[in-house]
N, C-alpha and C. Protein backbone atom coordinates (compact mmCIF):
# COMPACT_ATOMS: atom_id res chain seq x y z
N MET A 1 8.40 18.17 93.14
CA MET A 1 9.45 17.58 92.33
C MET A 1 10.75 18.34 92.61
N THR A 2 11.83 17.64 92.83
CA THR A 2 13.10 18.29 93.12
C THR A 2 13.80 18.64 91.82
N PRO A 3 14.72 19.64 91.84
CA PRO A 3 15.45 20.00 90.62
C PRO A 3 16.23 18.84 90.01
N VAL A 4 16.72 17.93 90.85
CA VAL A 4 17.48 16.79 90.34
C VAL A 4 16.58 15.91 89.48
N MET A 5 15.36 15.69 89.89
CA MET A 5 14.43 14.86 89.14
C MET A 5 14.04 15.54 87.82
N THR A 6 13.92 16.83 87.83
CA THR A 6 13.56 17.57 86.62
C THR A 6 14.71 17.53 85.61
N ALA A 7 15.93 17.64 86.08
CA ALA A 7 17.08 17.68 85.18
C ALA A 7 17.30 16.35 84.48
N LYS A 8 17.02 15.25 85.15
CA LYS A 8 17.26 13.94 84.56
C LYS A 8 16.49 13.71 83.26
N PRO A 9 15.17 13.92 83.22
CA PRO A 9 14.44 13.72 81.97
C PRO A 9 14.91 14.67 80.86
N LEU A 10 15.29 15.89 81.20
CA LEU A 10 15.76 16.81 80.17
C LEU A 10 17.02 16.30 79.49
N VAL A 11 17.91 15.71 80.26
CA VAL A 11 19.13 15.14 79.68
C VAL A 11 18.77 13.99 78.75
N ARG A 12 17.84 13.14 79.17
CA ARG A 12 17.43 12.01 78.34
C ARG A 12 16.78 12.47 77.05
N VAL A 13 15.94 13.48 77.12
CA VAL A 13 15.29 13.98 75.92
C VAL A 13 16.33 14.54 74.97
N GLY A 14 17.29 15.30 75.49
CA GLY A 14 18.35 15.87 74.65
C GLY A 14 19.16 14.79 73.97
N THR A 15 19.49 13.74 74.69
CA THR A 15 20.27 12.64 74.11
C THR A 15 19.46 11.93 73.04
N THR A 16 18.17 11.72 73.28
CA THR A 16 17.32 11.06 72.30
C THR A 16 17.24 11.87 71.03
N ALA A 17 17.09 13.18 71.14
CA ALA A 17 16.97 14.03 69.96
C ALA A 17 18.24 13.99 69.11
N GLN A 18 19.38 13.91 69.74
CA GLN A 18 20.63 13.86 68.97
C GLN A 18 20.79 12.57 68.21
N ARG A 19 20.14 11.53 68.62
CA ARG A 19 20.27 10.24 67.95
C ARG A 19 19.15 9.99 66.96
N GLY A 20 18.39 10.99 66.63
CA GLY A 20 17.34 10.81 65.63
C GLY A 20 15.95 10.96 66.18
N GLY A 21 15.82 11.21 67.45
CA GLY A 21 14.51 11.45 68.03
C GLY A 21 13.79 10.17 68.36
N PRO A 22 12.62 10.30 68.97
CA PRO A 22 11.88 9.12 69.40
C PRO A 22 11.34 8.28 68.25
N MET A 23 11.27 8.83 67.05
CA MET A 23 10.75 8.07 65.90
C MET A 23 11.81 7.14 65.32
N GLY A 24 13.07 7.29 65.72
CA GLY A 24 14.13 6.41 65.23
C GLY A 24 14.29 6.50 63.73
N GLY A 25 14.30 5.36 63.04
CA GLY A 25 14.52 5.30 61.61
C GLY A 25 13.35 5.75 60.76
N MET A 26 12.18 5.93 61.33
CA MET A 26 11.01 6.29 60.55
C MET A 26 11.12 7.67 59.92
N MET A 27 11.87 8.55 60.52
CA MET A 27 11.97 9.91 60.02
C MET A 27 13.40 10.23 59.59
N GLY A 28 14.11 9.26 59.10
CA GLY A 28 15.47 9.49 58.62
C GLY A 28 16.52 9.38 59.70
N GLY A 29 16.20 8.79 60.83
CA GLY A 29 17.15 8.68 61.91
C GLY A 29 17.97 7.41 61.85
N GLY A 30 17.93 6.67 60.75
CA GLY A 30 18.65 5.42 60.63
C GLY A 30 20.13 5.64 60.37
N ALA A 31 20.82 4.56 60.10
CA ALA A 31 22.25 4.61 59.85
C ALA A 31 22.55 5.40 58.57
N VAL A 32 23.62 6.16 58.62
CA VAL A 32 24.05 6.95 57.46
C VAL A 32 24.93 6.06 56.59
N PRO A 33 24.62 5.92 55.29
CA PRO A 33 25.44 5.06 54.43
C PRO A 33 26.80 5.69 54.16
N ASN A 34 27.81 4.85 53.98
CA ASN A 34 29.13 5.34 53.59
C ASN A 34 29.12 5.55 52.09
N LEU A 35 29.30 6.78 51.64
CA LEU A 35 29.21 7.13 50.23
C LEU A 35 30.57 7.19 49.54
N LYS A 36 31.63 6.76 50.23
CA LYS A 36 32.98 6.74 49.63
C LYS A 36 33.12 5.60 48.62
N LYS A 37 32.53 4.47 48.93
CA LYS A 37 32.65 3.28 48.08
C LYS A 37 31.28 2.99 47.49
N LEU A 38 31.07 3.44 46.29
CA LEU A 38 29.75 3.32 45.65
C LEU A 38 29.77 2.30 44.53
N ASP A 39 28.65 1.60 44.40
CA ASP A 39 28.44 0.76 43.23
C ASP A 39 28.09 1.67 42.06
N PRO A 40 28.31 1.25 40.82
CA PRO A 40 28.02 2.11 39.66
C PRO A 40 26.59 2.63 39.61
N GLU A 41 25.62 1.85 40.09
CA GLU A 41 24.23 2.31 40.05
C GLU A 41 23.93 3.39 41.09
N ASP A 42 24.87 3.63 42.00
CA ASP A 42 24.70 4.66 43.03
C ASP A 42 25.57 5.89 42.80
N ARG A 43 26.42 5.87 41.77
CA ARG A 43 27.32 6.99 41.46
C ARG A 43 26.76 7.74 40.26
N ILE A 44 26.66 9.05 40.37
CA ILE A 44 26.06 9.86 39.31
C ILE A 44 27.12 10.27 38.29
N ARG A 45 26.75 10.10 37.02
CA ARG A 45 27.62 10.55 35.92
C ARG A 45 27.15 11.89 35.38
N ALA A 46 25.82 12.12 35.32
CA ALA A 46 25.29 13.38 34.78
C ALA A 46 23.87 13.61 35.27
N ILE A 47 23.49 14.89 35.33
CA ILE A 47 22.12 15.27 35.65
C ILE A 47 21.69 16.32 34.63
N ALA A 48 20.58 16.07 33.94
CA ALA A 48 20.03 17.03 32.98
C ALA A 48 18.64 17.44 33.46
N ARG A 49 18.34 18.73 33.31
CA ARG A 49 17.03 19.24 33.70
C ARG A 49 16.30 19.74 32.46
N CYS A 50 15.07 19.26 32.26
CA CYS A 50 14.24 19.68 31.15
C CYS A 50 12.84 19.94 31.68
N ALA A 51 12.40 21.18 31.61
CA ALA A 51 11.10 21.60 32.15
C ALA A 51 11.03 21.26 33.63
N ASP A 52 10.13 20.36 34.02
CA ASP A 52 9.99 20.03 35.45
C ASP A 52 10.56 18.66 35.79
N THR A 53 11.46 18.15 34.94
CA THR A 53 12.00 16.80 35.13
C THR A 53 13.52 16.80 35.14
N TYR A 54 14.08 16.08 36.10
CA TYR A 54 15.53 15.83 36.13
C TYR A 54 15.78 14.43 35.59
N LYS A 55 16.74 14.30 34.69
CA LYS A 55 17.17 13.01 34.17
C LYS A 55 18.53 12.72 34.80
N VAL A 56 18.58 11.69 35.63
CA VAL A 56 19.79 11.35 36.36
C VAL A 56 20.41 10.10 35.72
N THR A 57 21.65 10.26 35.23
CA THR A 57 22.37 9.14 34.63
C THR A 57 23.44 8.68 35.60
N THR A 58 23.43 7.40 35.88
CA THR A 58 24.40 6.83 36.81
C THR A 58 25.57 6.20 36.05
N ALA A 59 26.60 5.82 36.80
CA ALA A 59 27.82 5.29 36.19
C ALA A 59 27.59 3.97 35.46
N ASP A 60 26.50 3.29 35.74
CA ASP A 60 26.21 2.04 35.02
C ASP A 60 25.49 2.31 33.70
N GLY A 61 25.29 3.59 33.35
CA GLY A 61 24.69 3.97 32.07
C GLY A 61 23.18 4.08 32.07
N LYS A 62 22.53 3.80 33.18
CA LYS A 62 21.08 3.90 33.25
C LYS A 62 20.64 5.32 33.59
N THR A 63 19.49 5.73 33.04
CA THR A 63 18.95 7.07 33.29
C THR A 63 17.56 6.92 33.91
N ARG A 64 17.32 7.67 34.97
CA ARG A 64 16.01 7.70 35.63
C ARG A 64 15.47 9.11 35.63
N ASP A 65 14.17 9.25 35.45
CA ASP A 65 13.51 10.55 35.48
C ASP A 65 12.92 10.80 36.86
N PHE A 66 13.09 12.03 37.35
CA PHE A 66 12.50 12.45 38.62
C PHE A 66 11.80 13.78 38.41
N TRP A 67 10.58 13.89 38.90
CA TRP A 67 9.90 15.17 38.93
C TRP A 67 10.71 16.08 39.85
N GLU A 68 10.85 17.36 39.51
CA GLU A 68 11.76 18.25 40.22
C GLU A 68 11.51 18.32 41.72
N ARG A 69 10.30 18.13 42.18
CA ARG A 69 10.04 18.17 43.62
C ARG A 69 10.39 16.86 44.32
N ASN A 70 10.72 15.83 43.56
CA ASN A 70 11.06 14.54 44.15
C ASN A 70 12.56 14.27 44.19
N LEU A 71 13.36 15.21 43.72
CA LEU A 71 14.81 15.04 43.75
C LEU A 71 15.40 16.14 44.61
N ARG A 72 16.13 15.77 45.63
CA ARG A 72 16.72 16.75 46.55
C ARG A 72 18.23 16.73 46.41
N PHE A 73 18.82 17.92 46.45
CA PHE A 73 20.27 18.06 46.38
C PHE A 73 20.80 18.36 47.77
N LYS A 74 21.76 17.56 48.21
CA LYS A 74 22.33 17.69 49.55
C LYS A 74 23.85 17.62 49.47
N THR A 75 24.50 18.01 50.57
CA THR A 75 25.95 17.89 50.66
C THR A 75 26.32 17.10 51.90
N ASP A 76 27.46 16.44 51.83
CA ASP A 76 27.98 15.69 52.98
C ASP A 76 29.51 15.76 52.92
N ALA A 77 30.08 16.60 53.76
CA ALA A 77 31.54 16.77 53.81
C ALA A 77 32.17 15.90 54.89
N SER A 78 31.39 15.02 55.49
CA SER A 78 31.91 14.16 56.56
C SER A 78 32.79 13.05 55.98
N GLY A 79 33.32 12.24 56.86
CA GLY A 79 34.12 11.10 56.43
C GLY A 79 33.34 10.06 55.67
N ASP A 80 32.01 10.07 55.81
CA ASP A 80 31.16 9.13 55.08
C ASP A 80 30.61 9.71 53.78
N GLY A 81 30.88 10.98 53.51
CA GLY A 81 30.36 11.63 52.31
C GLY A 81 31.03 11.13 51.04
N PRO A 82 30.46 11.48 49.89
CA PRO A 82 31.02 11.00 48.62
C PRO A 82 32.36 11.68 48.31
N GLU A 83 33.12 11.04 47.44
CA GLU A 83 34.38 11.63 46.97
C GLU A 83 34.05 12.87 46.14
N LYS A 84 34.94 13.81 46.12
CA LYS A 84 34.77 15.01 45.30
C LYS A 84 34.66 14.60 43.83
N GLY A 85 33.66 15.12 43.14
CA GLY A 85 33.46 14.80 41.73
C GLY A 85 32.72 13.49 41.48
N ALA A 86 32.25 12.83 42.55
CA ALA A 86 31.53 11.56 42.41
C ALA A 86 30.29 11.57 43.28
N PRO A 87 29.30 12.41 42.95
CA PRO A 87 28.09 12.47 43.77
C PRO A 87 27.35 11.13 43.79
N ALA A 88 26.61 10.94 44.87
CA ALA A 88 25.86 9.69 45.06
C ALA A 88 24.38 9.95 44.95
N ILE A 89 23.64 8.92 44.60
CA ILE A 89 22.18 8.99 44.63
C ILE A 89 21.71 7.95 45.64
N VAL A 90 20.81 8.40 46.53
CA VAL A 90 20.30 7.55 47.59
C VAL A 90 18.78 7.63 47.56
N GLY A 91 18.13 6.49 47.54
CA GLY A 91 16.67 6.46 47.55
C GLY A 91 16.11 7.14 48.78
N ALA A 92 15.02 7.86 48.61
CA ALA A 92 14.38 8.57 49.73
C ALA A 92 12.88 8.53 49.50
N GLY A 93 12.20 7.68 50.15
CA GLY A 93 10.77 7.57 49.95
C GLY A 93 10.40 6.11 49.82
N MET A 94 9.20 5.82 50.18
CA MET A 94 8.77 4.42 50.21
C MET A 94 8.27 3.92 48.86
N MET A 95 8.06 4.79 47.89
CA MET A 95 7.50 4.37 46.61
C MET A 95 8.53 4.33 45.48
N GLY A 96 9.77 4.67 45.77
CA GLY A 96 10.81 4.64 44.76
C GLY A 96 10.80 5.82 43.81
N ASP A 97 9.97 6.83 44.08
CA ASP A 97 9.87 7.97 43.19
C ASP A 97 10.67 9.18 43.67
N ARG A 98 11.36 9.04 44.79
CA ARG A 98 12.14 10.15 45.35
C ARG A 98 13.56 9.71 45.60
N ALA A 99 14.47 10.70 45.54
CA ALA A 99 15.87 10.39 45.80
C ALA A 99 16.60 11.64 46.27
N ASP A 100 17.72 11.41 46.95
CA ASP A 100 18.63 12.47 47.34
C ASP A 100 19.89 12.31 46.50
N VAL A 101 20.36 13.43 45.96
CA VAL A 101 21.65 13.46 45.29
C VAL A 101 22.59 14.14 46.27
N ILE A 102 23.66 13.45 46.65
CA ILE A 102 24.55 13.96 47.68
C ILE A 102 25.91 14.26 47.07
N PHE A 103 26.33 15.51 47.22
CA PHE A 103 27.60 16.00 46.71
C PHE A 103 28.59 16.17 47.86
N ALA A 104 29.89 16.21 47.53
CA ALA A 104 30.91 16.43 48.54
C ALA A 104 30.87 17.87 49.06
N GLY A 105 30.45 18.81 48.23
CA GLY A 105 30.37 20.22 48.63
C GLY A 105 29.43 20.97 47.72
N PRO A 106 28.94 22.14 48.17
CA PRO A 106 27.96 22.89 47.38
C PRO A 106 28.49 23.41 46.04
N GLU A 107 29.78 23.60 45.94
CA GLU A 107 30.35 24.11 44.69
C GLU A 107 30.24 23.12 43.54
N GLU A 108 29.96 21.87 43.81
CA GLU A 108 29.84 20.85 42.77
C GLU A 108 28.47 20.82 42.09
N ILE A 109 27.45 21.33 42.74
CA ILE A 109 26.08 21.16 42.26
C ILE A 109 25.88 21.76 40.87
N SER A 110 26.26 23.00 40.66
CA SER A 110 26.04 23.67 39.37
C SER A 110 26.77 22.96 38.23
N GLY A 111 27.91 22.37 38.50
CA GLY A 111 28.67 21.69 37.46
C GLY A 111 28.03 20.39 36.99
N PHE A 112 27.17 19.81 37.80
CA PHE A 112 26.55 18.55 37.43
C PHE A 112 25.17 18.69 36.83
N VAL A 113 24.49 19.79 37.09
CA VAL A 113 23.13 19.97 36.59
C VAL A 113 23.17 20.82 35.32
N ALA A 114 22.77 20.22 34.21
CA ALA A 114 22.76 20.93 32.91
C ALA A 114 21.32 21.11 32.46
N ASN A 115 21.00 22.32 32.01
CA ASN A 115 19.69 22.58 31.41
C ASN A 115 19.73 22.06 29.99
N LYS A 116 19.08 20.92 29.77
CA LYS A 116 19.18 20.23 28.49
C LYS A 116 17.92 19.41 28.24
N CYS A 117 17.26 19.69 27.11
CA CYS A 117 16.07 18.91 26.77
C CYS A 117 16.35 17.97 25.61
């Protein structure tokens, strides 16, 4: 095998990995949603933590309970990330029991999560 032939597959593998890997959308490699323009059911108004449960209240006034291991806190400072002070909730999981809460920056997380039973 010549070095040219060896280099070609390595470039292809590298390019594939940057686009989400060979699994594509199955492992989170799908399109990233734009979190700047959110519907009220996707915008978080408050998060309360009591024992092992997070109660997430959205801008439409509805509250959902999540077991603490099923709710993940993330940040997105990109152009598609949420506005400062308006975190988003995005479903994560096939059964509807998991979600990601996405903030504009890490400094916002403590201000939104209240220990309250």
